[in-house]
Amino acid sequence: MGRPGGRGPGPLPRGGDRPGRARGHRDFRPATEEDIGRLLETYGFRLEARELTLLTRFHRFLLEKNRRLNLTRIHNIEDVVLKHYVDCFLVDRMIDLPSPLLDLGTGGGFPGIPLKIIRPDLHIILAEGVGKRVRFLKDAREHLGLEGLDVIGRNIDREFFYPVNGVITRAVELVPDTLKRMKNSLQSGGLAIFMKGPNVEDEIERARKRTDGEYELERDLPYTLPRSPHRRRLLVYRRVRADIEDPEIVLEETEGGH
């Protein structure tokens, strides 16, 4: 897909109805590249052949393993494409993503794996504390043959010291609590990127009061998923002051908890 601003057939459509089956329908028919490519183009994205092949392989692998691992509650192809893939791709369209980029609480690999597919130049680190999900993420990496994608089986906290230039998360934890977790990993000048719902004013205010000038809210970007009523907010904090301890740094791929 290339760099931000140069992908897709033009401005994203906003609002209105989108195609698809009735809500709640579970479609386990194996999706084809044509299925996913057609939907992505409906939502304003046209992937290169390699990207579409990888995304389709990931999609089928995700839904196959989901029956046992409960990785996502979204099942039909239209909703998965819109709420998982398009939502992740929009972040790359809206901001310039830093590298290394830590995906905190990635779950089934969101947003890290879709971003890695369209941005192979990024070094992405998937962090997940649940063991069965960690094993899925490593299997998915092997299945897709993705390089420059690390998987850490642990929750990120103040004892995680690996230096990164960006942290991204879709997790539901409050913004100020997540900012505390990255104390000894996000470098000065680095970005903390939050994929949130529309009503986050209280979290923004709490973060302002509790971070003591360590972070600055650089961008607050409201958006709507294309051809849908689903509203989102992308919050981008820049770390302007960092007091980071400096232990010996080793990135180890652990297995996580149960």
C-alpha atoms as a PDB file:
ATOM      1  CA  MET A   1       0.000   0.000   0.000  1.00  0.00           C
ATOM      2  CA  GLY A   2       2.989   2.331   0.325  1.00  0.00           C
ATOM      3  CA  ARG A   3       3.279   5.328   2.578  1.00  0.00           C
ATOM      4  CA  PRO A   4       0.348   7.243   4.146  1.00  0.00           C
ATOM      5  CA  GLY A   5      -1.611   9.434   1.783  1.00  0.00           C
ATOM      6  CA  GLY A   6      -0.874   7.425  -1.339  1.00  0.00           C
ATOM      7  CA  ARG A   7      -3.189   4.459  -0.992  1.00  0.00           C
ATOM      8  CA  GLY A   8      -6.757   3.781  -1.939  1.00  0.00           C
ATOM      9  CA  PRO A   9      -8.896   5.110  -4.774  1.00  0.00           C
ATOM     10  CA  GLY A  10      -9.611   8.484  -3.177  1.00  0.00           C
ATOM     11  CA  PRO A  11     -11.337   9.987  -0.125  1.00  0.00           C
ATOM     12  CA  LEU A  12     -12.983   7.580   2.234  1.00  0.00           C
ATOM     13  CA  PRO A  13     -16.786   7.438   2.070  1.00  0.00           C
ATOM     14  CA  ARG A  14     -18.364   8.457   5.335  1.00  0.00           C
ATOM     15  CA  GLY A  15     -21.741   7.639   6.771  1.00  0.00           C
ATOM     16  CA  GLY A  16     -24.577   5.785   5.054  1.00  0.00           C
ATOM     17  CA  ASP A  17     -25.355   2.101   4.894  1.00  0.00           C
ATOM     18  CA  ARG A  18     -22.783  -0.546   4.174  1.00  0.00           C
ATOM     19  CA  PRO A  19     -23.252  -3.889   2.465  1.00  0.00           C
ATOM     20  CA  GLY A  20     -23.506  -7.072   4.465  1.00  0.00           C
ATOM     21  CA  ARG A  21     -25.605  -9.749   6.056  1.00  0.00           C
ATOM     22  CA  ALA A  22     -27.816  -9.198   9.045  1.00  0.00           C
ATOM     23  CA  ARG A  23     -25.960  -8.398  12.234  1.00  0.00           C
ATOM     24  CA  GLY A  24     -25.028 -11.443  14.279  1.00  0.00           C
ATOM     25  CA  HIS A  25     -24.801 -13.807  11.294  1.00  0.00           C
ATOM     26  CA  ARG A  26     -21.814 -16.119  11.704  1.00  0.00           C
ATOM     27  CA  ASP A  27     -20.193 -16.763   8.344  1.00  0.00           C
ATOM     28  CA  PHE A  28     -17.549 -19.487   8.528  1.00  0.00           C
ATOM     29  CA  ARG A  29     -17.302 -19.928   4.745  1.00  0.00           C
ATOM     30  CA  PRO A  30     -13.626 -19.580   3.846  1.00  0.00           C
ATOM     31  CA  ALA A  31     -13.122 -16.077   2.501  1.00  0.00           C
ATOM     32  CA  THR A  32     -11.336 -15.616  -0.806  1.00  0.00           C
ATOM     33  CA  GLU A  33      -8.951 -12.868  -1.795  1.00  0.00           C
ATOM     34  CA  GLU A  34     -11.679 -11.560  -4.068  1.00  0.00           C
ATOM     35  CA  ASP A  35     -14.139 -11.351  -1.150  1.00  0.00           C
ATOM     36  CA  ILE A  36     -11.772  -9.388   1.052  1.00  0.00           C
ATOM     37  CA  GLY A  37     -10.376  -7.257  -1.748  1.00  0.00           C
ATOM     38  CA  ARG A  38     -13.855  -6.248  -2.903  1.00  0.00           C
ATOM     39  CA  LEU A  39     -14.883  -5.228   0.622  1.00  0.00           C
ATOM     40  CA  LEU A  40     -11.692  -3.275   1.211  1.00  0.00           C
ATOM     41  CA  GLU A  41     -12.219  -1.335  -2.006  1.00  0.00           C
ATOM     42  CA  THR A  42     -15.784  -0.584  -0.876  1.00  0.00           C
ATOM     43  CA  TYR A  43     -14.270   0.969   2.245  1.00  0.00           C
ATOM     44  CA  GLY A  44     -11.643   2.936   0.344  1.00  0.00           C
ATOM     45  CA  PHE A  45      -8.579   0.665   0.407  1.00  0.00           C
ATOM     46  CA  ARG A  46      -6.882  -1.135  -2.468  1.00  0.00           C
ATOM     47  CA  LEU A  47      -4.125  -3.506  -1.356  1.00  0.00           C
ATOM     48  CA  GLU A  48      -1.210  -4.766  -3.388  1.00  0.00           C
ATOM     49  CA  ALA A  49      -1.349  -8.435  -4.397  1.00  0.00           C
ATOM     50  CA  ARG A  50       1.126  -9.563  -1.721  1.00  0.00           C
ATOM     51  CA  GLU A  51      -0.721  -7.659   1.000  1.00  0.00           C
ATOM     52  CA  LEU A  52      -4.096  -9.061   0.005  1.00  0.00           C
ATOM     53  CA  THR A  53      -2.746 -12.626  -0.068  1.00  0.00           C
ATOM     54  CA  LEU A  54      -1.269 -12.262   3.423  1.00  0.00           C
ATOM     55  CA  LEU A  55      -4.386 -10.614   4.841  1.00  0.00           C
ATOM     56  CA  THR A  56      -6.618 -13.369   3.425  1.00  0.00           C
ATOM     57  CA  ARG A  57      -4.365 -16.058   4.911  1.00  0.00           C
ATOM     58  CA  PHE A  58      -4.474 -14.296   8.275  1.00  0.00           C
ATOM     59  CA  HIS A  59      -8.250 -13.892   8.071  1.00  0.00           C
ATOM     60  CA  ARG A  60      -8.817 -17.587   7.447  1.00  0.00           C
ATOM     61  CA  PHE A  61      -6.288 -18.596  10.119  1.00  0.00           C
ATOM     62  CA  LEU A  62      -7.910 -16.239  12.653  1.00  0.00           C
ATOM     63  CA  LEU A  63     -11.428 -17.574  12.124  1.00  0.00           C
ATOM     64  CA  GLU A  64     -10.230 -21.178  12.102  1.00  0.00           C
ATOM     65  CA  LYS A  65      -8.482 -20.801  15.476  1.00  0.00           C
ATOM     66  CA  ASN A  66     -11.193 -18.539  16.874  1.00  0.00           C
ATOM     67  CA  ARG A  67     -13.614 -21.419  17.328  1.00  0.00           C
ATOM     68  CA  ARG A  68     -11.342 -22.822  20.029  1.00  0.00           C
ATOM     69  CA  LEU A  69      -9.472 -19.775  21.337  1.00  0.00           C
ATOM     70  CA  ASN A  70     -12.212 -17.087  21.313  1.00  0.00           C
ATOM     71  CA  LEU A  71      -9.916 -14.459  19.805  1.00  0.00           C
ATOM     72  CA  THR A  72     -12.701 -12.220  18.492  1.00  0.00           C
ATOM     73  CA  ARG A  73     -16.456 -11.932  18.966  1.00  0.00           C
ATOM     74  CA  ILE A  74     -16.811 -10.601  15.425  1.00  0.00           C
ATOM     75  CA  HIS A  75     -17.466 -13.375  12.912  1.00  0.00           C
ATOM     76  CA  ASN A  76     -18.991 -12.321   9.603  1.00  0.00           C
ATOM     77  CA  ILE A  77     -16.618 -11.185   6.923  1.00  0.00           C
ATOM     78  CA  GLU A  78     -18.053  -7.692   6.498  1.00  0.00           C
ATOM     79  CA  ASP A  79     -17.665  -6.834  10.173  1.00  0.00           C
ATOM     80  CA  VAL A  80     -14.197  -8.376  10.471  1.00  0.00           C
ATOM     81  CA  VAL A  81     -12.946  -6.449   7.449  1.00  0.00           C
ATOM     82  CA  LEU A  82     -14.432  -3.163   8.655  1.00  0.00           C
ATOM     83  CA  LYS A  83     -13.896  -3.302  12.432  1.00  0.00           C
ATOM     84  CA  HIS A  84     -10.571  -5.107  12.474  1.00  0.00           C
ATOM     85  CA  TYR A  85      -8.699  -4.533   9.214  1.00  0.00           C
ATOM     86  CA  VAL A  86      -9.994  -1.171   7.994  1.00  0.00           C
ATOM     87  CA  ASP A  87      -9.882   0.330  11.489  1.00  0.00           C
ATOM     88  CA  CYS A  88      -6.218  -0.696  11.751  1.00  0.00           C
ATOM     89  CA  PHE A  89      -5.338   0.542   8.249  1.00  0.00           C
ATOM     90  CA  LEU A  90      -6.914   3.931   8.979  1.00  0.00           C
ATOM     91  CA  VAL A  91      -4.316   4.574  11.678  1.00  0.00           C
ATOM     92  CA  ASP A  92      -1.525   4.267   9.115  1.00  0.00           C
ATOM     93  CA  ARG A  93      -3.427   6.652   6.858  1.00  0.00           C
ATOM     94  CA  MET A  94      -3.882   9.266   9.581  1.00  0.00           C
ATOM     95  CA  ILE A  95      -0.434   9.376  11.206  1.00  0.00           C
ATOM     96  CA  ASP A  96       3.182   8.484  10.491  1.00  0.00           C
ATOM     97  CA  LEU A  97       3.799   5.357  12.560  1.00  0.00           C
ATOM     98  CA  PRO A  98       7.097   5.081  14.471  1.00  0.00           C
ATOM     99  CA  SER A  99       9.358   2.041  14.710  1.00  0.00           C
ATOM    100  CA  PRO A 100       9.959  -0.016  16.789  1.00  0.00           C
ATOM    101  CA  LEU A 101       6.246  -0.045  17.580  1.00  0.00           C
ATOM    102  CA  LEU A 102       4.925  -1.943  20.606  1.00  0.00           C
ATOM    103  CA  ASP A 103       1.359  -3.278  20.283  1.00  0.00           C
ATOM    104  CA  LEU A 104       0.258  -3.411  23.909  1.00  0.00           C
ATOM    105  CA  GLY A 105      -2.449  -5.988  24.753  1.00  0.00           C
ATOM    106  CA  THR A 106      -2.694  -7.153  21.152  1.00  0.00           C
ATOM    107  CA  GLY A 107      -5.129 -10.035  21.787  1.00  0.00           C
ATOM    108  CA  GLY A 108      -5.652 -11.693  18.413  1.00  0.00           C
ATOM    109  CA  GLY A 109      -3.017  -9.488  16.787  1.00  0.00           C
ATOM    110  CA  PHE A 110      -4.788  -6.137  16.433  1.00  0.00           C
ATOM    111  CA  PRO A 111      -3.664  -3.712  15.270  1.00  0.00           C
ATOM    112  CA  GLY A 112      -0.143  -5.145  14.965  1.00  0.00           C
ATOM    113  CA  ILE A 113      -0.564  -7.908  12.376  1.00  0.00           C
ATOM    114  CA  PRO A 114      -2.692  -5.959   9.863  1.00  0.00           C
ATOM    115  CA  LEU A 115      -0.268  -3.040  10.202  1.00  0.00           C
ATOM    116  CA  LYS A 116       2.717  -5.328   9.650  1.00  0.00           C
ATOM    117  CA  ILE A 117       1.101  -6.696   6.485  1.00  0.00           C
ATOM    118  CA  ILE A 118       0.793  -3.241   4.894  1.00  0.00           C
ATOM    119  CA  ARG A 119       3.926  -1.781   6.532  1.00  0.00           C
ATOM    120  CA  PRO A 120       6.607  -4.494   6.346  1.00  0.00           C
ATOM    121  CA  ASP A 121       9.231  -1.813   7.009  1.00  0.00           C
ATOM    122  CA  LEU A 122       8.054  -1.420  10.619  1.00  0.00           C
ATOM    123  CA  HIS A 123       9.554  -3.432  13.463  1.00  0.00           C
ATOM    124  CA  ILE A 124       6.462  -4.396  15.460  1.00  0.00           C
ATOM    125  CA  ILE A 125       6.390  -6.060  18.873  1.00  0.00           C
ATOM    126  CA  LEU A 126       3.181  -7.835  19.884  1.00  0.00           C
ATOM    127  CA  ALA A 127       2.680  -7.969  23.660  1.00  0.00           C
ATOM    128  CA  GLU A 128       0.037 -10.297  25.118  1.00  0.00           C
ATOM    129  CA  GLY A 129      -0.244 -11.824  28.582  1.00  0.00           C
ATOM    130  CA  VAL A 130      -2.604 -14.750  27.861  1.00  0.00           C
ATOM    131  CA  GLY A 131      -0.664 -17.877  26.962  1.00  0.00           C
ATOM    132  CA  LYS A 132      -3.073 -19.360  24.421  1.00  0.00           C
ATOM    133  CA  ARG A 133      -3.141 -16.071  22.522  1.00  0.00           C
ATOM    134  CA  VAL A 134       0.644 -15.854  22.594  1.00  0.00           C
ATOM    135  CA  ARG A 135       0.873 -19.277  20.985  1.00  0.00           C
ATOM    136  CA  PHE A 136      -1.668 -18.200  18.359  1.00  0.00           C
ATOM    137  CA  LEU A 137       0.353 -15.062  17.563  1.00  0.00           C
ATOM    138  CA  LYS A 138       3.551 -17.048  17.105  1.00  0.00           C
ATOM    139  CA  ASP A 139       1.756 -19.593  14.944  1.00  0.00           C
ATOM    140  CA  ALA A 140       0.244 -16.781  12.861  1.00  0.00           C
ATOM    141  CA  ARG A 141       3.661 -15.192  12.383  1.00  0.00           C
ATOM    142  CA  GLU A 142       5.036 -18.518  11.176  1.00  0.00           C
ATOM    143  CA  HIS A 143       1.982 -19.163   8.986  1.00  0.00           C
ATOM    144  CA  LEU A 144       2.366 -15.786   7.267  1.00  0.00           C
ATOM    145  CA  GLY A 145       6.162 -15.766   7.176  1.00  0.00           C
ATOM    146  CA  LEU A 146       6.366 -12.287   8.686  1.00  0.00           C
ATOM    147  CA  GLU A 147       9.813 -10.966   9.592  1.00  0.00           C
ATOM    148  CA  GLY A 148      10.460  -8.104  11.976  1.00  0.00           C
ATOM    149  CA  LEU A 149       7.503  -9.180  14.127  1.00  0.00           C
ATOM    150  CA  ASP A 150       8.313 -10.114  17.727  1.00  0.00           C
ATOM    151  CA  VAL A 151       5.904 -11.713  20.202  1.00  0.00           C
ATOM    152  CA  ILE A 152       6.240 -11.160  23.945  1.00  0.00           C
ATOM    153  CA  GLY A 153       4.190 -13.329  26.281  1.00  0.00           C
ATOM    154  CA  ARG A 154       3.754 -10.920  29.177  1.00  0.00           C
ATOM    155  CA  ASN A 155       1.822  -7.909  30.334  1.00  0.00           C
ATOM    156  CA  ILE A 156       3.685  -4.642  29.846  1.00  0.00           C
ATOM    157  CA  ASP A 157       4.460  -2.726  33.034  1.00  0.00           C
ATOM    158  CA  ARG A 158       7.172  -0.543  34.563  1.00  0.00           C
ATOM    159  CA  GLU A 159       9.497  -3.573  34.636  1.00  0.00           C
ATOM    160  CA  PHE A 160       9.521  -3.801  30.828  1.00  0.00           C
ATOM    161  CA  PHE A 161      12.637  -1.945  29.679  1.00  0.00           C
ATOM    162  CA  TYR A 162      12.958  -2.614  25.952  1.00  0.00           C
ATOM    163  CA  PRO A 163      13.216   0.799  24.202  1.00  0.00           C
ATOM    164  CA  VAL A 164      10.571   1.616  21.602  1.00  0.00           C
ATOM    165  CA  ASN A 165       9.674   4.767  19.694  1.00  0.00           C
ATOM    166  CA  GLY A 166       5.954   4.069  19.719  1.00  0.00           C
ATOM    167  CA  VAL A 167       3.248   2.205  21.623  1.00  0.00           C
ATOM    168  CA  ILE A 168      -0.149   1.474  20.097  1.00  0.00           C
ATOM    169  CA  THR A 169      -3.164  -0.149  21.743  1.00  0.00           C
ATOM    170  CA  ARG A 170      -6.833  -0.937  21.259  1.00  0.00           C
ATOM    171  CA  ALA A 171      -7.143  -2.193  24.849  1.00  0.00           C
ATOM    172  CA  VAL A 172      -9.942  -0.833  27.031  1.00  0.00           C
ATOM    173  CA  GLU A 173      -7.700   0.243  29.914  1.00  0.00           C
ATOM    174  CA  LEU A 174      -7.839   3.936  30.823  1.00  0.00           C
ATOM    175  CA  VAL A 175      -5.324   6.167  29.053  1.00  0.00           C
ATOM    176  CA  PRO A 176      -3.447   7.318  32.195  1.00  0.00           C
ATOM    177  CA  ASP A 177      -3.051   3.734  33.421  1.00  0.00           C
ATOM    178  CA  THR A 178      -1.630   2.639  30.078  1.00  0.00           C
ATOM    179  CA  LEU A 179       0.767   5.590  30.006  1.00  0.00           C
ATOM    180  CA  LYS A 180       2.157   4.432  33.354  1.00  0.00           C
ATOM    181  CA  ARG A 181       2.842   0.969  31.945  1.00  0.00           C
ATOM    182  CA  MET A 182       5.252   2.290  29.338  1.00  0.00           C
ATOM    183  CA  LYS A 183       7.373   4.273  31.806  1.00  0.00           C
ATOM    184  CA  ASN A 184      10.615   2.401  31.088  1.00  0.00           C
ATOM    185  CA  SER A 185      10.060   1.497  27.453  1.00  0.00           C
ATOM    186  CA  LEU A 186       8.688   4.475  25.488  1.00  0.00           C
ATOM    187  CA  GLN A 187      11.580   6.787  24.687  1.00  0.00           C
ATOM    188  CA  SER A 188      11.605  10.560  25.009  1.00  0.00           C
ATOM    189  CA  GLY A 189       9.907  11.990  21.929  1.00  0.00           C
ATOM    190  CA  GLY A 190       8.097   8.697  21.305  1.00  0.00           C
ATOM    191  CA  LEU A 191       4.386   8.359  20.549  1.00  0.00           C
ATOM    192  CA  ALA A 192       1.661   6.639  22.573  1.00  0.00           C
ATOM    193  CA  ILE A 193      -1.229   5.893  20.200  1.00  0.00           C
ATOM    194  CA  PHE A 194      -4.677   5.005  21.527  1.00  0.00           C
ATOM    195  CA  MET A 195      -7.459   3.598  19.332  1.00  0.00           C
ATOM    196  CA  LYS A 196     -10.523   4.611  21.324  1.00  0.00           C
ATOM    197  CA  GLY A 197     -14.265   5.067  21.153  1.00  0.00           C
ATOM    198  CA  PRO A 198     -15.739   8.557  20.782  1.00  0.00           C
ATOM    199  CA  ASN A 199     -16.314   9.444  24.452  1.00  0.00           C
ATOM    200  CA  VAL A 200     -12.855   9.817  25.978  1.00  0.00           C
ATOM    201  CA  GLU A 201     -12.918  13.338  27.407  1.00  0.00           C
ATOM    202  CA  ASP A 202     -12.762  12.023  30.989  1.00  0.00           C
ATOM    203  CA  GLU A 203      -9.741   9.850  30.184  1.00  0.00           C
ATOM    204  CA  ILE A 204      -7.975  12.788  28.541  1.00  0.00           C
ATOM    205  CA  GLU A 205      -8.561  14.937  31.619  1.00  0.00           C
ATOM    206  CA  ARG A 206      -7.367  12.195  33.973  1.00  0.00           C
ATOM    207  CA  ALA A 207      -4.217  11.750  31.900  1.00  0.00           C
ATOM    208  CA  ARG A 208      -3.549  15.490  32.001  1.00  0.00           C
ATOM    209  CA  LYS A 209      -3.766  15.529  35.792  1.00  0.00           C
ATOM    210  CA  ARG A 210      -1.839  12.332  36.490  1.00  0.00           C
ATOM    211  CA  THR A 211       1.106  12.446  34.068  1.00  0.00           C
ATOM    212  CA  ASP A 212       2.646  15.619  35.497  1.00  0.00           C
ATOM    213  CA  GLY A 213       3.699  17.059  32.162  1.00  0.00           C
ATOM    214  CA  GLU A 214       5.457  13.882  31.050  1.00  0.00           C
ATOM    215  CA  TYR A 215       3.141  13.458  28.045  1.00  0.00           C
ATOM    216  CA  GLU A 216       1.576  15.970  25.687  1.00  0.00           C
ATOM    217  CA  LEU A 217      -1.629  15.244  23.769  1.00  0.00           C
ATOM    218  CA  GLU A 218      -0.346  15.992  20.293  1.00  0.00           C
ATOM    219  CA  ARG A 219      -3.331  14.898  18.204  1.00  0.00           C
ATOM    220  CA  ASP A 220      -6.988  14.110  18.904  1.00  0.00           C
ATOM    221  CA  LEU A 221      -8.510  12.745  15.712  1.00  0.00           C
ATOM    222  CA  PRO A 222     -12.201  11.821  15.597  1.00  0.00           C
ATOM    223  CA  TYR A 223     -13.228   9.648  12.658  1.00  0.00           C
ATOM    224  CA  THR A 224     -15.996   7.355  11.469  1.00  0.00           C
ATOM    225  CA  LEU A 225     -15.488   3.898  10.028  1.00  0.00           C
ATOM    226  CA  PRO A 226     -16.398   4.201   6.335  1.00  0.00           C
ATOM    227  CA  ARG A 227     -19.961   3.454   5.265  1.00  0.00           C
ATOM    228  CA  SER A 228     -21.010   2.903   8.877  1.00  0.00           C
ATOM    229  CA  PRO A 229     -22.208   4.827  11.940  1.00  0.00           C
ATOM    230  CA  HIS A 230     -19.269   3.627  14.077  1.00  0.00           C
ATOM    231  CA  ARG A 231     -17.376   6.563  15.549  1.00  0.00           C
ATOM    232  CA  ARG A 232     -13.789   6.395  16.829  1.00  0.00           C
ATOM    233  CA  ARG A 233     -11.114   8.647  18.328  1.00  0.00           C
ATOM    234  CA  LEU A 234      -7.396   8.341  17.723  1.00  0.00           C
ATOM    235  CA  LEU A 235      -5.407   9.901  20.556  1.00  0.00           C
ATOM    236  CA  VAL A 236      -1.703  10.498  20.003  1.00  0.00           C
ATOM    237  CA  TYR A 237       0.456  11.445  22.981  1.00  0.00           C
ATOM    238  CA  ARG A 238       4.098  12.456  22.675  1.00  0.00           C
ATOM    239  CA  ARG A 239       6.453  11.762  25.540  1.00  0.00           C
ATOM    240  CA  VAL A 240       8.135  15.091  26.212  1.00  0.00           C
ATOM    241  CA  ARG A 241       9.995  14.163  29.391  1.00  0.00           C
ATOM    242  CA  ALA A 242      11.312  10.733  30.320  1.00  0.00           C
ATOM    243  CA  ASP A 243      13.137   9.490  33.408  1.00  0.00           C
ATOM    244  CA  ILE A 244      14.014   5.977  32.255  1.00  0.00           C
ATOM    245  CA  GLU A 245      16.126   3.508  34.193  1.00  0.00           C
ATOM    246  CA  ASP A 246      18.837   1.855  32.134  1.00  0.00           C
ATOM    247  CA  PRO A 247      19.251  -1.855  32.944  1.00  0.00           C
ATOM    248  CA  GLU A 248      20.724  -4.429  30.602  1.00  0.00           C
ATOM    249  CA  ILE A 249      18.100  -4.785  27.854  1.00  0.00           C
ATOM    250  CA  VAL A 250      17.179  -8.177  26.426  1.00  0.00           C
ATOM    251  CA  LEU A 251      14.021  -8.845  24.431  1.00  0.00           C
ATOM    252  CA  GLU A 252      12.870 -12.389  25.215  1.00  0.00           C
ATOM    253  CA  GLU A 253       9.906 -14.129  23.614  1.00  0.00           C
ATOM    254  CA  THR A 254       8.112 -15.691  26.568  1.00  0.00           C
ATOM    255  CA  GLU A 255       4.938 -17.763  26.523  1.00  0.00           C
ATOM    256  CA  GLY A 256       2.627 -15.734  28.775  1.00  0.00           C
ATOM    257  CA  GLY A 257       0.140 -16.918  31.393  1.00  0.00           C
ATOM    258  CA  HIS A 258      -2.858 -19.185  31.152  1.00  0.00           C
END
